Amino acid sequence: MRKTIFAAIAVGALILTGIAGWVTSRSHPLQAKASIASETQIDTFSMMANTKDLPTEEFQDFSLVFSPPVVKDRGSPAP
């Protein structure tokens, strides 16, 4: 009987602590701060113009391997 009463009091205290923490918490969401100063501007054109050693894209032409789809209305291959 004593263990049940003690457990009920402990659970009630935890519930009240949780409710008190929820009520006193911040009501407005946190806002992120900018990591760079707003006065600093990034010159994107010079970044693109001065880049070197970028990977190149390899294009593989599979047009000879697969035939183009045939359009039913014209009966000729689609462009």
PDB file of N, CA and C in Angstrom:
ATOM      1  N   MET A   1       0.818  -1.182   0.000  1.00  0.00           N
ATOM      2  CA  MET A   1       0.000   0.000   0.000  1.00  0.00           C
ATOM      3  C   MET A   1       0.869   1.256   0.000  1.00  0.00           C
ATOM      4  N   ARG A   2       1.965   1.217   0.803  1.00  0.00           N
ATOM      5  CA  ARG A   2       2.849   2.375   0.867  1.00  0.00           C
ATOM      6  C   ARG A   2       3.556   2.594  -0.467  1.00  0.00           C
ATOM      7  N   LYS A   3       3.931   1.495  -1.151  1.00  0.00           N
ATOM      8  CA  LYS A   3       4.612   1.622  -2.438  1.00  0.00           C
ATOM      9  C   LYS A   3       3.682   2.240  -3.481  1.00  0.00           C
ATOM     10  N   THR A   4       2.414   1.896  -3.438  1.00  0.00           N
ATOM     11  CA  THR A   4       1.445   2.423  -4.396  1.00  0.00           C
ATOM     12  C   THR A   4       1.244   3.916  -4.182  1.00  0.00           C
ATOM     13  N   ILE A   5       1.141   4.332  -2.929  1.00  0.00           N
ATOM     14  CA  ILE A   5       0.951   5.757  -2.620  1.00  0.00           C
ATOM     15  C   ILE A   5       2.196   6.552  -3.020  1.00  0.00           C
ATOM     16  N   PHE A   6       3.375   5.991  -2.721  1.00  0.00           N
ATOM     17  CA  PHE A   6       4.623   6.668  -3.084  1.00  0.00           C
ATOM     18  C   PHE A   6       4.746   6.789  -4.605  1.00  0.00           C
ATOM     19  N   ALA A   7       4.393   5.723  -5.317  1.00  0.00           N
ATOM     20  CA  ALA A   7       4.460   5.753  -6.780  1.00  0.00           C
ATOM     21  C   ALA A   7       3.473   6.786  -7.347  1.00  0.00           C
ATOM     22  N   ALA A   8       2.275   6.882  -6.766  1.00  0.00           N
ATOM     23  CA  ALA A   8       1.286   7.847  -7.231  1.00  0.00           C
ATOM     24  C   ALA A   8       1.762   9.271  -6.994  1.00  0.00           C
ATOM     25  N   ILE A   9       2.396   9.522  -5.844  1.00  0.00           N
ATOM     26  CA  ILE A   9       2.922  10.860  -5.541  1.00  0.00           C
ATOM     27  C   ILE A   9       4.066  11.201  -6.491  1.00  0.00           C
ATOM     28  N   ALA A  10       4.937  10.225  -6.766  1.00  0.00           N
ATOM     29  CA  ALA A  10       6.064  10.461  -7.663  1.00  0.00           C
ATOM     30  C   ALA A  10       5.580  10.746  -9.088  1.00  0.00           C
ATOM     31  N   VAL A  11       4.606   9.982  -9.549  1.00  0.00           N
ATOM     32  CA  VAL A  11       4.062  10.207 -10.889  1.00  0.00           C
ATOM     33  C   VAL A  11       3.377  11.571 -10.963  1.00  0.00           C
ATOM     34  N   GLY A  12       2.622  11.934  -9.938  1.00  0.00           N
ATOM     35  CA  GLY A  12       1.974  13.243  -9.907  1.00  0.00           C
ATOM     36  C   GLY A  12       2.985  14.378  -9.930  1.00  0.00           C
ATOM     37  N   ALA A  13       4.087  14.219  -9.195  1.00  0.00           N
ATOM     38  CA  ALA A  13       5.125  15.254  -9.181  1.00  0.00           C
ATOM     39  C   ALA A  13       5.776  15.377 -10.555  1.00  0.00           C
ATOM     40  N   LEU A  14       6.028  14.260 -11.207  1.00  0.00           N
ATOM     41  CA  LEU A  14       6.611  14.314 -12.552  1.00  0.00           C
ATOM     42  C   LEU A  14       5.664  14.962 -13.558  1.00  0.00           C
ATOM     43  N   ILE A  15       4.385  14.669 -13.438  1.00  0.00           N
ATOM     44  CA  ILE A  15       3.408  15.273 -14.333  1.00  0.00           C
ATOM     45  C   ILE A  15       3.341  16.776 -14.114  1.00  0.00           C
ATOM     46  N   LEU A  16       3.307  17.206 -12.847  1.00  0.00           N
ATOM     47  CA  LEU A  16       3.275  18.637 -12.556  1.00  0.00           C
ATOM     48  C   LEU A  16       4.555  19.337 -13.013  1.00  0.00           C
ATOM     49  N   THR A  17       5.691  18.682 -12.879  1.00  0.00           N
ATOM     50  CA  THR A  17       6.948  19.257 -13.347  1.00  0.00           C
ATOM     51  C   THR A  17       6.919  19.423 -14.862  1.00  0.00           C
ATOM     52  N   GLY A  18       6.408  18.426 -15.567  1.00  0.00           N
ATOM     53  CA  GLY A  18       6.300  18.515 -17.023  1.00  0.00           C
ATOM     54  C   GLY A  18       5.364  19.616 -17.478  1.00  0.00           C
ATOM     55  N   ILE A  19       4.234  19.748 -16.805  1.00  0.00           N
ATOM     56  CA  ILE A  19       3.279  20.799 -17.156  1.00  0.00           C
ATOM     57  C   ILE A  19       3.875  22.175 -16.874  1.00  0.00           C
ATOM     58  N   ALA A  20       4.565  22.319 -15.746  1.00  0.00           N
ATOM     59  CA  ALA A  20       5.186  23.607 -15.413  1.00  0.00           C
ATOM     60  C   ALA A  20       6.267  23.957 -16.438  1.00  0.00           C
ATOM     61  N   GLY A  21       7.054  23.005 -16.865  1.00  0.00           N
ATOM     62  CA  GLY A  21       8.069  23.262 -17.882  1.00  0.00           C
ATOM     63  C   GLY A  21       7.463  23.632 -19.214  1.00  0.00           C
ATOM     64  N   TRP A  22       6.342  23.003 -19.557  1.00  0.00           N
ATOM     65  CA  TRP A  22       5.674  23.296 -20.824  1.00  0.00           C
ATOM     66  C   TRP A  22       5.076  24.701 -20.808  1.00  0.00           C
ATOM     67  N   VAL A  23       4.512  25.095 -19.686  1.00  0.00           N
ATOM     68  CA  VAL A  23       3.881  26.414 -19.583  1.00  0.00           C
ATOM     69  C   VAL A  23       4.928  27.516 -19.606  1.00  0.00           C
ATOM     70  N   THR A  24       6.052  27.325 -18.956  1.00  0.00           N
ATOM     71  CA  THR A  24       7.059  28.384 -18.853  1.00  0.00           C
ATOM     72  C   THR A  24       8.048  28.378 -20.012  1.00  0.00           C
ATOM     73  N   SER A  25       7.900  27.470 -20.958  1.00  0.00           N
ATOM     74  CA  SER A  25       8.834  27.437 -22.085  1.00  0.00           C
ATOM     75  C   SER A  25       8.572  28.612 -23.013  1.00  0.00           C
ATOM     76  N   ARG A  26       9.488  28.814 -23.954  1.00  0.00           N
ATOM     77  CA  ARG A  26       9.344  29.913 -24.897  1.00  0.00           C
ATOM     78  C   ARG A  26       8.143  29.682 -25.793  1.00  0.00           C
ATOM     79  N   SER A  27       7.381  30.730 -26.005  1.00  0.00           N
ATOM     80  CA  SER A  27       6.210  30.601 -26.865  1.00  0.00           C
ATOM     81  C   SER A  27       6.530  30.945 -28.315  1.00  0.00           C
ATOM     82  N   HIS A  28       7.658  31.610 -28.570  1.00  0.00           N
ATOM     83  CA  HIS A  28       8.037  31.940 -29.941  1.00  0.00           C
ATOM     84  C   HIS A  28       9.171  31.009 -30.387  1.00  0.00           C
ATOM     85  N   PRO A  29       9.196  30.635 -31.654  1.00  0.00           N
ATOM     86  CA  PRO A  29      10.220  29.707 -32.135  1.00  0.00           C
ATOM     87  C   PRO A  29      11.587  30.377 -32.204  1.00  0.00           C
ATOM     88  N   LEU A  30      12.621  29.574 -32.127  1.00  0.00           N
ATOM     89  CA  LEU A  30      13.976  30.088 -32.240  1.00  0.00           C
ATOM     90  C   LEU A  30      14.235  30.499 -33.683  1.00  0.00           C
ATOM     91  N   GLN A  31      14.992  31.573 -33.866  1.00  0.00           N
ATOM     92  CA  GLN A  31      15.310  32.036 -35.205  1.00  0.00           C
ATOM     93  C   GLN A  31      16.801  31.869 -35.444  1.00  0.00           C
ATOM     94  N   ALA A  32      17.135  31.380 -36.625  1.00  0.00           N
ATOM     95  CA  ALA A  32      18.531  31.159 -36.966  1.00  0.00           C
ATOM     96  C   ALA A  32      19.197  32.490 -37.295  1.00  0.00           C
ATOM     97  N   LYS A  33      20.439  32.623 -36.917  1.00  0.00           N
ATOM     98  CA  LYS A  33      21.204  33.822 -37.212  1.00  0.00           C
ATOM     99  C   LYS A  33      22.067  33.546 -38.444  1.00  0.00           C
ATOM    100  N   ALA A  34      22.275  34.560 -39.266  1.00  0.00           N
ATOM    101  CA  ALA A  34      23.105  34.419 -40.455  1.00  0.00           C
ATOM    102  C   ALA A  34      24.552  34.223 -40.049  1.00  0.00           C
ATOM    103  N   SER A  35      25.242  33.332 -40.750  1.00  0.00           N
ATOM    104  CA  SER A  35      26.628  33.067 -40.407  1.00  0.00           C
ATOM    105  C   SER A  35      27.570  34.082 -41.039  1.00  0.00           C
ATOM    106  N   ILE A  36      27.132  34.763 -42.114  1.00  0.00           N
ATOM    107  CA  ILE A  36      27.960  35.774 -42.750  1.00  0.00           C
ATOM    108  C   ILE A  36      27.307  37.135 -42.514  1.00  0.00           C
ATOM    109  N   ALA A  37      28.109  38.143 -42.419  1.00  0.00           N
ATOM    110  CA  ALA A  37      27.571  39.488 -42.239  1.00  0.00           C
ATOM    111  C   ALA A  37      26.836  39.901 -43.498  1.00  0.00           C
ATOM    112  N   SER A  38      25.775  40.649 -43.351  1.00  0.00           N
ATOM    113  CA  SER A  38      24.977  41.056 -44.509  1.00  0.00           C
ATOM    114  C   SER A  38      25.715  42.067 -45.378  1.00  0.00           C
ATOM    115  N   GLU A  39      26.761  42.697 -44.867  1.00  0.00           N
ATOM    116  CA  GLU A  39      27.532  43.655 -45.645  1.00  0.00           C
ATOM    117  C   GLU A  39      28.422  42.955 -46.661  1.00  0.00           C
ATOM    118  N   THR A  40      28.802  41.723 -46.385  1.00  0.00           N
ATOM    119  CA  THR A  40      29.672  40.975 -47.284  1.00  0.00           C
ATOM    120  C   THR A  40      28.851  40.419 -48.428  1.00  0.00           C
ATOM    121  N   GLN A  41      29.290  40.691 -49.666  1.00  0.00           N
ATOM    122  CA  GLN A  41      28.600  40.173 -50.828  1.00  0.00           C
ATOM    123  C   GLN A  41      29.537  39.240 -51.583  1.00  0.00           C
ATOM    124  N   ILE A  42      28.977  38.192 -52.116  1.00  0.00           N
ATOM    125  CA  ILE A  42      29.761  37.212 -52.855  1.00  0.00           C
ATOM    126  C   ILE A  42      29.659  37.549 -54.328  1.00  0.00           C
ATOM    127  N   ASP A  43      30.795  37.680 -54.991  1.00  0.00           N
ATOM    128  CA  ASP A  43      30.822  37.982 -56.418  1.00  0.00           C
ATOM    129  C   ASP A  43      30.749  36.679 -57.199  1.00  0.00           C
ATOM    130  N   THR A  44      29.545  36.309 -57.604  1.00  0.00           N
ATOM    131  CA  THR A  44      29.354  35.013 -58.262  1.00  0.00           C
ATOM    132  C   THR A  44      29.955  34.988 -59.654  1.00  0.00           C
ATOM    133  N   PHE A  45      29.966  36.123 -60.353  1.00  0.00           N
ATOM    134  CA  PHE A  45      30.525  36.136 -61.699  1.00  0.00           C
ATOM    135  C   PHE A  45      32.011  35.826 -61.666  1.00  0.00           C
ATOM    136  N   SER A  46      32.744  36.426 -60.730  1.00  0.00           N
ATOM    137  CA  SER A  46      34.182  36.150 -60.657  1.00  0.00           C
ATOM    138  C   SER A  46      34.443  34.713 -60.204  1.00  0.00           C
ATOM    139  N   MET A  47      33.550  34.170 -59.380  1.00  0.00           N
ATOM    140  CA  MET A  47      33.715  32.766 -58.991  1.00  0.00           C
ATOM    141  C   MET A  47      33.584  31.856 -60.198  1.00  0.00           C
ATOM    142  N   MET A  48      32.590  32.132 -61.057  1.00  0.00           N
ATOM    143  CA  MET A  48      32.397  31.294 -62.237  1.00  0.00           C
ATOM    144  C   MET A  48      33.496  31.517 -63.264  1.00  0.00           C
ATOM    145  N   ALA A  49      33.984  32.745 -63.395  1.00  0.00           N
ATOM    146  CA  ALA A  49      35.001  33.046 -64.400  1.00  0.00           C
ATOM    147  C   ALA A  49      36.366  32.503 -64.002  1.00  0.00           C
ATOM    148  N   ASN A  50      36.672  32.420 -62.733  1.00  0.00           N
ATOM    149  CA  ASN A  50      38.009  32.037 -62.284  1.00  0.00           C
ATOM    150  C   ASN A  50      38.135  30.581 -61.858  1.00  0.00           C
ATOM    151  N   THR A  51      37.109  29.786 -62.042  1.00  0.00           N
ATOM    152  CA  THR A  51      37.204  28.392 -61.630  1.00  0.00           C
ATOM    153  C   THR A  51      38.080  27.609 -62.597  1.00  0.00           C
ATOM    154  N   LYS A  52      38.825  26.666 -62.071  1.00  0.00           N
ATOM    155  CA  LYS A  52      39.734  25.847 -62.876  1.00  0.00           C
ATOM    156  C   LYS A  52      39.623  24.395 -62.422  1.00  0.00           C
ATOM    157  N   ASP A  53      39.987  23.511 -63.305  1.00  0.00           N
ATOM    158  CA  ASP A  53      40.037  22.068 -63.037  1.00  0.00           C
ATOM    159  C   ASP A  53      38.693  21.489 -62.620  1.00  0.00           C
ATOM    160  N   LEU A  54      37.608  21.950 -63.273  1.00  0.00           N
ATOM    161  CA  LEU A  54      36.306  21.371 -62.988  1.00  0.00           C
ATOM    162  C   LEU A  54      36.145  20.077 -63.778  1.00  0.00           C
ATOM    163  N   PRO A  55      35.390  19.122 -63.266  1.00  0.00           N
ATOM    164  CA  PRO A  55      35.203  17.874 -64.011  1.00  0.00           C
ATOM    165  C   PRO A  55      34.397  18.131 -65.285  1.00  0.00           C
ATOM    166  N   THR A  56      34.731  17.383 -66.326  1.00  0.00           N
ATOM    167  CA  THR A  56      34.021  17.539 -67.591  1.00  0.00           C
ATOM    168  C   THR A  56      32.953  16.469 -67.698  1.00  0.00           C
ATOM    169  N   GLU A  57      31.901  16.784 -68.436  1.00  0.00           N
ATOM    170  CA  GLU A  57      30.807  15.844 -68.624  1.00  0.00           C
ATOM    171  C   GLU A  57      31.080  15.026 -69.870  1.00  0.00           C
ATOM    172  N   GLU A  58      30.928  13.723 -69.751  1.00  0.00           N
ATOM    173  CA  GLU A  58      31.120  12.838 -70.890  1.00  0.00           C
ATOM    174  C   GLU A  58      29.761  12.502 -71.471  1.00  0.00           C
ATOM    175  N   PHE A  59      29.617  12.717 -72.780  1.00  0.00           N
ATOM    176  CA  PHE A  59      28.365  12.445 -73.462  1.00  0.00           C
ATOM    177  C   PHE A  59      28.522  11.176 -74.280  1.00  0.00           C
ATOM    178  N   GLN A  60      27.635  10.234 -74.064  1.00  0.00           N
ATOM    179  CA  GLN A  60      27.657   8.995 -74.827  1.00  0.00           C
ATOM    180  C   GLN A  60      26.431   8.959 -75.721  1.00  0.00           C
ATOM    181  N   ASP A  61      26.658   8.852 -77.010  1.00  0.00           N
ATOM    182  CA  ASP A  61      25.573   8.884 -77.983  1.00  0.00           C
ATOM    183  C   ASP A  61      25.050   7.468 -78.202  1.00  0.00           C
ATOM    184  N   PHE A  62      23.834   7.209 -77.734  1.00  0.00           N
ATOM    185  CA  PHE A  62      23.208   5.901 -77.895  1.00  0.00           C
ATOM    186  C   PHE A  62      22.165   5.908 -79.009  1.00  0.00           C
ATOM    187  N   SER A  63      22.184   6.928 -79.875  1.00  0.00           N
ATOM    188  CA  SER A  63      21.166   7.012 -80.909  1.00  0.00           C
ATOM    189  C   SER A  63      21.305   5.895 -81.938  1.00  0.00           C
ATOM    190  N   LEU A  64      22.495   5.357 -82.110  1.00  0.00           N
ATOM    191  CA  LEU A  64      22.678   4.264 -83.064  1.00  0.00           C
ATOM    192  C   LEU A  64      22.295   2.921 -82.457  1.00  0.00           C
ATOM    193  N   VAL A  65      22.287   2.831 -81.152  1.00  0.00           N
ATOM    194  CA  VAL A  65      21.975   1.568 -80.489  1.00  0.00           C
ATOM    195  C   VAL A  65      20.474   1.366 -80.408  1.00  0.00           C
ATOM    196  N   PHE A  66      19.741   2.410 -80.047  1.00  0.00           N
ATOM    197  CA  PHE A  66      18.298   2.319 -79.881  1.00  0.00           C
ATOM    198  C   PHE A  66      17.611   3.074 -81.012  1.00  0.00           C
ATOM    199  N   SER A  67      16.624   2.491 -81.617  1.00  0.00           N
ATOM    200  CA  SER A  67      15.905   3.175 -82.693  1.00  0.00           C
ATOM    201  C   SER A  67      14.932   4.184 -82.084  1.00  0.00           C
ATOM    202  N   PRO A  68      14.671   5.301 -82.801  1.00  0.00           N
ATOM    203  CA  PRO A  68      13.748   6.305 -82.274  1.00  0.00           C
ATOM    204  C   PRO A  68      12.317   5.779 -82.291  1.00  0.00           C
ATOM    205  N   PRO A  69      11.462   6.288 -81.421  1.00  0.00           N
ATOM    206  CA  PRO A  69      10.078   5.814 -81.383  1.00  0.00           C
ATOM    207  C   PRO A  69       9.314   6.245 -82.628  1.00  0.00           C
ATOM    208  N   VAL A  70       8.379   5.432 -83.047  1.00  0.00           N
ATOM    209  CA  VAL A  70       7.580   5.717 -84.228  1.00  0.00           C
ATOM    210  C   VAL A  70       6.271   6.357 -83.775  1.00  0.00           C
ATOM    211  N   VAL A  71       5.936   7.488 -84.392  1.00  0.00           N
ATOM    212  CA  VAL A  71       4.690   8.177 -84.087  1.00  0.00           C
ATOM    213  C   VAL A  71       3.594   7.534 -84.924  1.00  0.00           C
ATOM    214  N   LYS A  72       2.477   7.161 -84.324  1.00  0.00           N
ATOM    215  CA  LYS A  72       1.415   6.423 -85.005  1.00  0.00           C
ATOM    216  C   LYS A  72       0.708   7.253 -86.062  1.00  0.00           C
ATOM    217  N   ASP A  73       0.587   8.580 -85.868  1.00  0.00           N
ATOM    218  CA  ASP A  73      -0.156   9.413 -86.793  1.00  0.00           C
ATOM    219  C   ASP A  73       0.584   9.581 -88.122  1.00  0.00           C
ATOM    220  N   ARG A  74       1.901   9.787 -88.063  1.00  0.00           N
ATOM    221  CA  ARG A  74       2.648  10.072 -89.284  1.00  0.00           C
ATOM    222  C   ARG A  74       3.304   8.835 -89.871  1.00  0.00           C
ATOM    223  N   GLY A  75       3.579   7.857 -89.058  1.00  0.00           N
ATOM    224  CA  GLY A  75       4.234   6.654 -89.545  1.00  0.00           C
ATOM    225  C   GLY A  75       5.713   6.825 -89.758  1.00  0.00           C
ATOM    226  N   SER A  76       6.257   7.987 -89.381  1.00  0.00           N
ATOM    227  CA  SER A  76       7.691   8.206 -89.534  1.00  0.00           C
ATOM    228  C   SER A  76       8.311   8.379 -88.155  1.00  0.00           C
ATOM    229  N   PRO A  77       9.619   8.199 -88.064  1.00  0.00           N
ATOM    230  CA  PRO A  77      10.277   8.365 -86.757  1.00  0.00           C
ATOM    231  C   PRO A  77      10.121   9.784 -86.225  1.00  0.00           C
ATOM    232  N   ALA A  78      10.018   9.889 -84.927  1.00  0.00           N
ATOM    233  CA  ALA A  78       9.898  11.194 -84.277  1.00  0.00           C
ATOM    234  C   ALA A  78      11.224  11.918 -84.342  1.00  0.00           C
ATOM    235  N   PRO A  79      11.223  13.239 -84.456  1.00  0.00           N
ATOM    236  CA  PRO A  79      12.473  13.994 -84.528  1.00  0.00           C
ATOM    237  C   PRO A  79      13.232  13.959 -83.234  1.00  0.00           C
TER     238      PRO A  79
END
